[in-house]
Amino acid sequence: MTATVRMLAGFLLAAAASAASAATAQEQPPAPEQGKTAVALVYSKAYQINLGGLERMHPFDIHKYSKIAQQLVKDGLATESDFLVPKELTREEILTVQSARFLDSLKDSATVAQYLEAPIAKRLPAVVIDRGMLRPFRYASGGTVAAARAALKHGVAINLGGGYHHAKPDRGEGFCIYADMPIAIRILQRERLIRRALVVDLDVHQGNGTIVCCHGDESVFTFSMHEAGIYPIPKEKGDRDIELAAGTGDEAYLRTLRDALPEVIRQSRPDIVLLQAGCDPLAGDPLANLAMTKEGIVARDALVIDACVARKIPVVMLLGGGYSREAWEVQHASIRRTLEKYAVVRRQEQPATKPGLKKFLGKKQK
């Protein structure tokens, strides 16, 4: 190991330890007024990936989550104290879906680099990758579990992360390591909080990992609308798959979703819906070829969330993919629309002061 790498490793380990100690245990917010739907927000600065700047070489904007959280506070739609802070996903929880052999493979830097499509990670010690990348994924995946619990209580929950739909029982791929949606479903089922679940995956790439994780399980219905002819190839066979042609825009997309959704809900009879609301159907996304607008993405998410609320089905929104510079702004607009329609769950009235906001978000983003 070179002196530079050793120095970087020491810096990252110290930074990760500081972030971990700042992440508090998950807290449950108070119940909203009887009969009213409210939105629980889930986020922690421990979601932030940090490899000493090397993470910027990946096309995914790893600051997306904190940008959205910061803007929601600036908008006055939430205070920093309104966010539920999740716990880190445990090994035992991960093992409800993924194998011990897979978890052991994460100790090898080259293997993790392959899963994350980040060749630079091969040069880093496994412990640095775990603290700088895998731990943030575990916190964001824990956020999916926390959001699912909160949705059962309040009606709607939004995790400012999650939606890692390419992760499979025995491998990661496509910048996805932990199968957060199947894990959340399994945990809630084992606790007898739900029996059936519906995954509505609207990321532009098929959620092949979620489908594999839930294959043969009649209690989980997978519905995916994705672009044909792009990754993953070949596609997996979900319970309902709709492939879209390159260039599909708002009108055709929304019409297709509006036509399919009622029957999907009727067939699946879910106790909870997990919406993977990836932003990569947006026109100009570098990894896809659909042509939706910001307004179309907001309408897409609203269609699913409002349909669930109207049917009194708890719904969880997860942010998934999106690789354009505007992705965070579009997802912020979608979340803003939901918060303006359904009041945010208030844990404690506390104005967000500038020092408090910096502490909440962690390292200041440029």
Protein backbone atom coordinates (compact mmCIF):
# COMPACT_ATOMS: atom_id res chain seq x y z
CA MET A 1 0.00 0.00 0.00
CA THR A 2 1.43 3.40 -0.97
CA ALA A 3 1.84 6.20 1.54
CA THR A 4 -0.84 8.19 -0.28
CA VAL A 5 -3.35 5.35 -0.06
CA ARG A 6 -2.51 4.79 3.63
CA MET A 7 -3.05 8.46 4.37
CA LEU A 8 -6.32 8.47 2.46
CA ALA A 9 -7.47 5.34 4.28
CA GLY A 10 -6.77 6.90 7.68
CA PHE A 11 -8.63 10.06 6.76
CA LEU A 12 -11.66 8.17 5.49
CA LEU A 13 -11.84 5.86 8.49
CA ALA A 14 -11.82 8.85 10.84
CA ALA A 15 -14.48 10.66 8.79
CA ALA A 16 -16.68 7.59 8.66
CA ALA A 17 -16.41 7.05 12.40
CA SER A 18 -17.45 10.64 13.00
CA ALA A 19 -20.47 10.30 10.70
CA ALA A 20 -21.52 7.05 12.33
CA SER A 21 -21.40 8.54 15.83
CA ALA A 22 -23.52 11.48 14.66
CA ALA A 23 -26.25 9.23 13.26
CA THR A 24 -28.81 8.77 16.01
CA ALA A 25 -31.09 5.79 16.52
CA GLN A 26 -34.30 5.63 14.54
CA GLU A 27 -37.16 7.50 16.16
CA GLN A 28 -40.84 7.09 15.44
CA PRO A 29 -42.79 10.35 14.92
CA PRO A 30 -46.14 11.00 16.58
CA ALA A 31 -49.29 9.81 14.83
CA PRO A 32 -51.13 12.36 12.65
CA GLU A 33 -54.69 13.40 13.27
CA GLN A 34 -57.09 10.46 13.06
CA GLY A 35 -58.10 9.63 9.49
CA LYS A 36 -55.63 12.00 7.84
CA THR A 37 -52.79 11.01 5.53
CA ALA A 38 -49.40 12.48 6.33
CA VAL A 39 -45.92 12.12 4.84
CA ALA A 40 -42.98 10.84 6.88
CA LEU A 41 -39.53 11.87 5.64
CA VAL A 42 -36.53 9.62 6.19
CA TYR A 43 -32.92 10.78 5.78
CA SER A 44 -29.53 10.75 7.47
CA LYS A 45 -26.26 12.43 6.59
CA ALA A 46 -24.81 8.94 7.01
CA TYR A 47 -26.18 8.26 3.49
CA GLN A 48 -23.28 10.32 2.14
CA ILE A 49 -20.67 8.30 0.24
CA ASN A 50 -17.13 9.52 0.88
CA LEU A 51 -14.02 8.16 -0.76
CA GLY A 52 -11.97 11.28 -0.38
CA GLY A 53 -13.25 12.75 -3.67
CA LEU A 54 -12.77 9.61 -5.76
CA GLU A 55 -16.55 9.01 -5.68
CA ARG A 56 -16.98 11.99 -8.04
CA MET A 57 -15.61 9.85 -10.87
CA HIS A 58 -18.87 7.86 -10.92
CA PRO A 59 -21.75 9.25 -13.08
CA PHE A 60 -24.26 9.05 -10.20
CA ASP A 61 -24.60 12.28 -8.21
CA ILE A 62 -23.84 10.99 -4.72
CA HIS A 63 -24.80 14.40 -3.27
CA LYS A 64 -28.37 14.10 -4.61
CA TYR A 65 -29.87 13.04 -1.30
CA SER A 66 -28.38 15.87 0.73
CA LYS A 67 -29.27 18.46 -1.92
CA ILE A 68 -32.92 17.43 -1.74
CA ALA A 69 -32.95 17.42 2.07
CA GLN A 70 -31.33 20.84 2.17
CA GLN A 71 -33.78 22.30 -0.34
CA LEU A 72 -36.82 20.95 1.51
CA VAL A 73 -35.60 22.69 4.65
CA LYS A 74 -34.88 25.90 2.75
CA ASP A 75 -38.38 25.73 1.23
CA GLY A 76 -39.86 25.62 4.71
CA LEU A 77 -41.61 22.34 3.91
CA ALA A 78 -39.76 20.53 6.70
CA THR A 79 -37.36 21.28 9.51
CA GLU A 80 -34.28 19.17 10.08
CA SER A 81 -35.96 17.66 13.13
CA ASP A 82 -38.84 16.36 10.99
CA PHE A 83 -36.63 13.77 9.31
CA LEU A 84 -36.65 10.28 10.77
CA VAL A 85 -33.05 9.12 11.17
CA PRO A 86 -32.80 5.41 10.32
CA LYS A 87 -30.60 2.73 11.76
CA GLU A 88 -27.93 1.01 9.72
CA LEU A 89 -29.16 -2.24 8.16
CA THR A 90 -27.75 -5.18 10.13
CA ARG A 91 -26.13 -8.33 8.77
CA GLU A 92 -29.06 -10.37 10.09
CA GLU A 93 -31.54 -8.17 8.26
CA ILE A 94 -29.59 -8.42 5.01
CA LEU A 95 -29.52 -12.20 5.35
CA THR A 96 -33.32 -12.31 5.13
CA VAL A 97 -32.81 -11.93 1.37
CA GLN A 98 -29.12 -12.07 0.45
CA SER A 99 -26.61 -14.84 1.07
CA ALA A 100 -23.75 -15.04 3.55
CA ARG A 101 -21.42 -15.88 0.67
CA PHE A 102 -22.41 -12.63 -1.02
CA LEU A 103 -21.75 -10.60 2.13
CA ASP A 104 -18.36 -12.27 2.48
CA SER A 105 -17.56 -11.30 -1.12
CA LEU A 106 -17.82 -7.63 -0.11
CA LYS A 107 -14.50 -7.99 1.71
CA ASP A 108 -12.78 -8.11 -1.68
CA SER A 109 -12.17 -4.67 -3.20
CA ALA A 110 -12.11 -5.91 -6.79
CA THR A 111 -15.47 -7.62 -6.37
CA VAL A 112 -17.09 -4.53 -4.87
CA ALA A 113 -15.61 -2.40 -7.65
CA GLN A 114 -17.32 -4.66 -10.16
CA TYR A 115 -20.68 -4.44 -8.38
CA LEU A 116 -20.44 -0.66 -8.19
CA GLU A 117 -19.07 -0.21 -11.70
CA ALA A 118 -16.31 1.87 -10.12
CA PRO A 119 -12.87 0.53 -11.19
CA ILE A 120 -11.06 3.02 -8.95
CA ALA A 121 -12.38 1.14 -5.91
CA LYS A 122 -10.02 -1.76 -6.69
CA ARG A 123 -7.13 0.38 -5.46
CA LEU A 124 -8.62 0.96 -2.01
CA PRO A 125 -8.48 -1.29 1.06
CA ALA A 126 -11.71 -3.19 1.71
CA VAL A 127 -12.14 -1.50 5.11
CA VAL A 128 -12.10 1.92 3.45
CA ILE A 129 -14.70 0.83 0.90
CA ASP A 130 -16.87 -0.56 3.66
CA ARG A 131 -16.74 2.64 5.71
CA GLY A 132 -16.87 5.05 2.77
CA MET A 133 -19.37 3.33 0.46
CA LEU A 134 -21.01 0.20 1.85
CA ARG A 135 -21.94 1.69 5.20
CA PRO A 136 -23.79 4.61 3.54
CA PHE A 137 -25.67 2.03 1.44
CA ARG A 138 -26.59 0.16 4.62
CA TYR A 139 -27.91 3.34 6.21
CA ALA A 140 -29.93 4.27 3.10
CA SER A 141 -31.28 0.69 2.97
CA GLY A 142 -32.15 0.96 6.65
CA GLY A 143 -34.01 4.08 5.58
CA THR A 144 -36.19 1.96 3.32
CA VAL A 145 -37.13 -0.25 6.28
CA ALA A 146 -37.84 2.83 8.43
CA ALA A 147 -39.92 4.39 5.64
CA ALA A 148 -41.95 1.21 5.22
CA ARG A 149 -42.77 1.18 8.93
CA ALA A 150 -43.66 4.87 8.83
CA ALA A 151 -45.92 4.42 5.80
CA LEU A 152 -47.93 1.80 7.66
CA LYS A 153 -48.48 4.37 10.40
CA HIS A 154 -49.03 7.55 8.42
CA GLY A 155 -50.01 6.56 4.88
CA VAL A 156 -47.05 7.94 2.90
CA ALA A 157 -43.30 7.86 3.53
CA ILE A 158 -40.36 9.08 1.45
CA ASN A 159 -36.83 7.80 1.86
CA LEU A 160 -34.32 10.24 0.38
CA GLY A 161 -32.34 7.27 -0.91
CA GLY A 162 -32.85 3.58 -1.52
CA GLY A 163 -34.43 1.79 -4.45
CA TYR A 164 -31.38 -0.44 -5.13
CA HIS A 165 -33.26 -2.64 -7.54
CA HIS A 166 -30.36 -4.38 -9.32
CA ALA A 167 -29.03 -6.12 -6.19
CA LYS A 168 -29.59 -9.88 -6.26
CA PRO A 169 -29.44 -12.58 -3.55
CA ASP A 170 -25.90 -13.60 -4.48
CA ARG A 171 -24.40 -10.54 -6.18
CA GLY A 172 -24.57 -6.80 -6.62
CA GLU A 173 -24.63 -4.92 -9.90
CA GLY A 174 -25.53 -1.60 -11.44
CA PHE A 175 -24.34 0.47 -8.43
CA CYS A 176 -26.63 -1.58 -6.18
CA ILE A 177 -25.36 -3.70 -3.29
CA TYR A 178 -28.18 -4.33 -0.81
CA ALA A 179 -31.66 -5.40 -1.97
CA ASP A 180 -33.39 -2.85 0.24
CA MET A 181 -36.95 -3.27 -1.07
CA PRO A 182 -37.16 -7.08 -0.73
CA ILE A 183 -35.40 -6.82 2.65
CA ALA A 184 -37.95 -4.29 3.92
CA ILE A 185 -40.81 -6.49 2.70
CA ARG A 186 -39.37 -9.60 4.38
CA ILE A 187 -38.85 -7.79 7.68
CA LEU A 188 -42.42 -6.47 7.73
CA GLN A 189 -43.78 -9.87 6.77
CA ARG A 190 -41.83 -11.65 9.50
CA GLU A 191 -43.18 -9.17 12.03
CA ARG A 192 -46.68 -9.84 10.67
CA LEU A 193 -47.19 -6.19 9.84
CA ILE A 194 -48.03 -7.01 6.21
CA ARG A 195 -48.85 -10.08 4.16
CA ARG A 196 -48.64 -8.85 0.58
CA ALA A 197 -46.56 -6.17 -1.13
CA LEU A 198 -46.46 -4.48 -4.52
CA VAL A 199 -43.27 -3.03 -6.01
CA VAL A 200 -44.00 -0.36 -8.64
CA ASP A 201 -40.65 0.18 -10.37
CA LEU A 202 -40.61 3.22 -12.65
CA ASP A 203 -36.85 3.58 -13.01
CA VAL A 204 -35.91 3.54 -16.70
CA HIS A 205 -33.92 0.33 -16.13
CA GLN A 206 -35.79 -2.83 -15.21
CA GLY A 207 -35.47 -3.79 -11.56
CA ASN A 208 -33.99 -7.17 -12.40
CA GLY A 209 -32.55 -7.72 -8.94
CA THR A 210 -35.86 -7.15 -7.17
CA ILE A 211 -37.53 -9.61 -9.53
CA VAL A 212 -34.91 -12.29 -8.84
CA CYS A 213 -35.11 -11.73 -5.08
CA CYS A 214 -38.89 -12.16 -5.15
CA HIS A 215 -39.09 -14.92 -7.76
CA GLY A 216 -41.63 -17.58 -6.89
CA ASP A 217 -43.07 -15.60 -3.97
CA GLU A 218 -46.76 -15.03 -4.61
CA SER A 219 -46.94 -12.54 -1.73
CA VAL A 220 -44.83 -10.00 -3.66
CA PHE A 221 -45.99 -8.57 -7.00
CA THR A 222 -43.38 -6.84 -9.19
CA PHE A 223 -44.52 -4.27 -11.75
CA SER A 224 -41.92 -2.55 -13.91
CA MET A 225 -42.16 0.07 -16.66
CA HIS A 226 -38.78 0.46 -18.34
CA GLU A 227 -37.05 1.22 -21.59
CA ALA A 228 -36.54 -1.69 -23.98
CA GLY A 229 -33.14 -2.47 -25.45
CA ILE A 230 -30.94 -1.09 -22.66
CA TYR A 231 -29.39 -2.52 -19.48
CA PRO A 232 -30.16 -5.00 -18.08
CA ILE A 233 -29.95 -7.41 -21.00
CA PRO A 234 -31.48 -9.94 -20.93
CA LYS A 235 -34.42 -8.76 -18.84
CA GLU A 236 -35.91 -10.83 -16.04
CA LYS A 237 -39.58 -11.80 -16.13
CA GLY A 238 -41.57 -9.96 -13.47
CA ASP A 239 -45.25 -10.26 -12.67
CA ARG A 240 -46.03 -7.36 -15.01
CA ASP A 241 -43.46 -5.80 -17.33
CA ILE A 242 -44.11 -2.97 -19.77
CA GLU A 243 -41.32 -2.07 -22.19
CA LEU A 244 -41.20 1.42 -23.63
CA ALA A 245 -39.63 2.54 -26.90
CA ALA A 246 -36.81 5.06 -26.96
CA GLY A 247 -38.22 8.56 -27.23
CA THR A 248 -41.37 7.87 -25.20
CA GLY A 249 -42.56 11.16 -23.72
CA ASP A 250 -44.98 12.34 -21.06
CA GLU A 251 -48.28 11.72 -22.84
CA ALA A 252 -47.62 8.12 -23.89
CA TYR A 253 -45.87 7.25 -20.64
CA LEU A 254 -48.58 8.61 -18.36
CA ARG A 255 -51.36 7.08 -20.45
CA THR A 256 -49.68 3.67 -20.24
CA LEU A 257 -49.17 3.92 -16.49
CA ARG A 258 -52.69 5.22 -15.90
CA ASP A 259 -54.15 2.29 -17.85
CA ALA A 260 -52.02 -0.38 -16.15
CA LEU A 261 -51.96 0.72 -12.51
CA PRO A 262 -55.56 -0.06 -11.42
CA GLU A 263 -55.34 -3.65 -12.68
CA VAL A 264 -51.91 -4.14 -11.11
CA ILE A 265 -53.27 -2.99 -7.75
CA ARG A 266 -56.34 -5.19 -8.15
CA GLN A 267 -54.22 -8.24 -8.97
CA SER A 268 -51.62 -7.73 -6.26
CA ARG A 269 -54.00 -6.81 -3.39
CA PRO A 270 -51.11 -5.17 -1.51
CA ASP A 271 -50.86 -4.19 2.12
CA ILE A 272 -48.08 -1.78 1.10
CA VAL A 273 -46.69 -0.34 -2.15
CA LEU A 274 -43.00 0.43 -2.68
CA LEU A 275 -42.55 2.99 -5.46
CA GLN A 276 -39.10 2.99 -7.04
CA ALA A 277 -39.26 6.51 -8.47
CA GLY A 278 -36.01 6.66 -10.44
CA CYS A 279 -35.55 9.91 -12.35
CA ASP A 280 -33.74 8.47 -15.38
CA PRO A 281 -36.78 8.50 -17.73
CA LEU A 282 -36.04 12.25 -17.87
CA ALA A 283 -35.06 13.52 -21.33
CA GLY A 284 -31.30 13.85 -21.69
CA ASP A 285 -30.35 11.28 -19.06
CA PRO A 286 -26.93 9.98 -20.21
CA LEU A 287 -27.82 6.33 -19.52
CA ALA A 288 -31.26 6.18 -21.16
CA ASN A 289 -33.33 7.43 -24.10
CA LEU A 290 -36.81 8.35 -22.90
CA ALA A 291 -38.09 11.90 -23.28
CA MET A 292 -40.06 12.81 -20.18
CA THR A 293 -40.12 16.32 -18.77
CA LYS A 294 -39.83 17.49 -15.18
CA GLU A 295 -43.60 17.98 -15.12
CA GLY A 296 -44.10 14.47 -16.48
CA ILE A 297 -41.98 12.89 -13.75
CA VAL A 298 -43.87 14.81 -11.06
CA ALA A 299 -47.20 13.70 -12.58
CA ARG A 300 -45.95 10.10 -12.77
CA ASP A 301 -45.13 9.93 -9.07
CA ALA A 302 -48.34 11.75 -8.15
CA LEU A 303 -50.38 9.23 -10.12
CA VAL A 304 -49.03 6.31 -8.08
CA ILE A 305 -49.05 8.03 -4.68
CA ASP A 306 -52.56 9.45 -5.09
CA ALA A 307 -53.90 6.10 -6.29
CA CYS A 308 -52.55 4.44 -3.15
CA VAL A 309 -53.88 7.14 -0.83
CA ALA A 310 -57.32 6.95 -2.46
CA ARG A 311 -57.36 3.20 -1.78
CA LYS A 312 -55.90 3.61 1.73
CA ILE A 313 -52.81 1.58 0.82
CA PRO A 314 -49.58 2.70 2.55
CA VAL A 315 -47.00 3.81 -0.01
CA VAL A 316 -43.23 4.31 0.20
CA MET A 317 -41.34 6.47 -2.31
CA LEU A 318 -37.67 5.64 -2.99
CA LEU A 319 -35.42 7.75 -5.18
CA GLY A 320 -33.61 5.14 -7.27
CA GLY A 321 -31.57 6.24 -10.28
CA GLY A 322 -31.18 9.41 -12.33
CA TYR A 323 -27.88 10.52 -13.84
CA SER A 324 -28.53 13.98 -15.28
CA ARG A 325 -27.50 17.15 -13.47
CA GLU A 326 -31.15 18.06 -13.07
CA ALA A 327 -32.17 14.75 -11.46
CA TRP A 328 -32.13 16.04 -7.89
CA GLU A 329 -34.17 19.12 -8.83
CA VAL A 330 -36.82 17.01 -10.54
CA GLN A 331 -37.11 14.63 -7.60
CA HIS A 332 -37.23 17.57 -5.22
CA ALA A 333 -40.16 18.97 -7.24
CA SER A 334 -41.96 15.63 -7.00
CA ILE A 335 -41.43 15.37 -3.24
CA ARG A 336 -42.47 19.00 -2.81
CA ARG A 337 -45.75 18.29 -4.61
CA THR A 338 -46.46 15.36 -2.26
CA LEU A 339 -45.65 17.40 0.85
CA GLU A 340 -47.88 20.24 -0.30
CA LYS A 341 -50.79 17.84 -0.90
CA TYR A 342 -50.32 15.74 2.24
CA ALA A 343 -48.87 17.46 5.30
CA VAL A 344 -45.47 16.37 6.55
CA VAL A 345 -45.34 14.46 9.84
CA ARG A 346 -44.09 17.00 12.39
CA ARG A 347 -41.90 15.48 15.05
CA GLN A 348 -40.98 18.77 16.69
CA GLU A 349 -41.36 22.38 15.64
CA GLN A 350 -37.82 23.67 15.34
CA PRO A 351 -36.60 26.30 12.87
CA ALA A 352 -33.60 25.25 10.81
CA THR A 353 -30.78 27.61 11.74
CA LYS A 354 -27.79 27.83 9.50
CA PRO A 355 -25.41 26.03 11.94
CA GLY A 356 -28.03 23.36 12.55
CA LEU A 357 -28.49 22.82 8.83
CA LYS A 358 -24.77 22.34 8.33
CA LYS A 359 -24.66 19.78 11.14
CA PHE A 360 -27.72 18.00 9.73
CA LEU A 361 -26.30 17.73 6.22
CA GLY A 362 -22.72 16.99 7.17
CA LYS A 363 -19.98 18.24 4.86
CA LYS A 364 -21.05 21.33 2.93
CA GLN A 365 -21.84 20.52 -0.72
CA LYS A 366 -20.73 22.67 -3.61
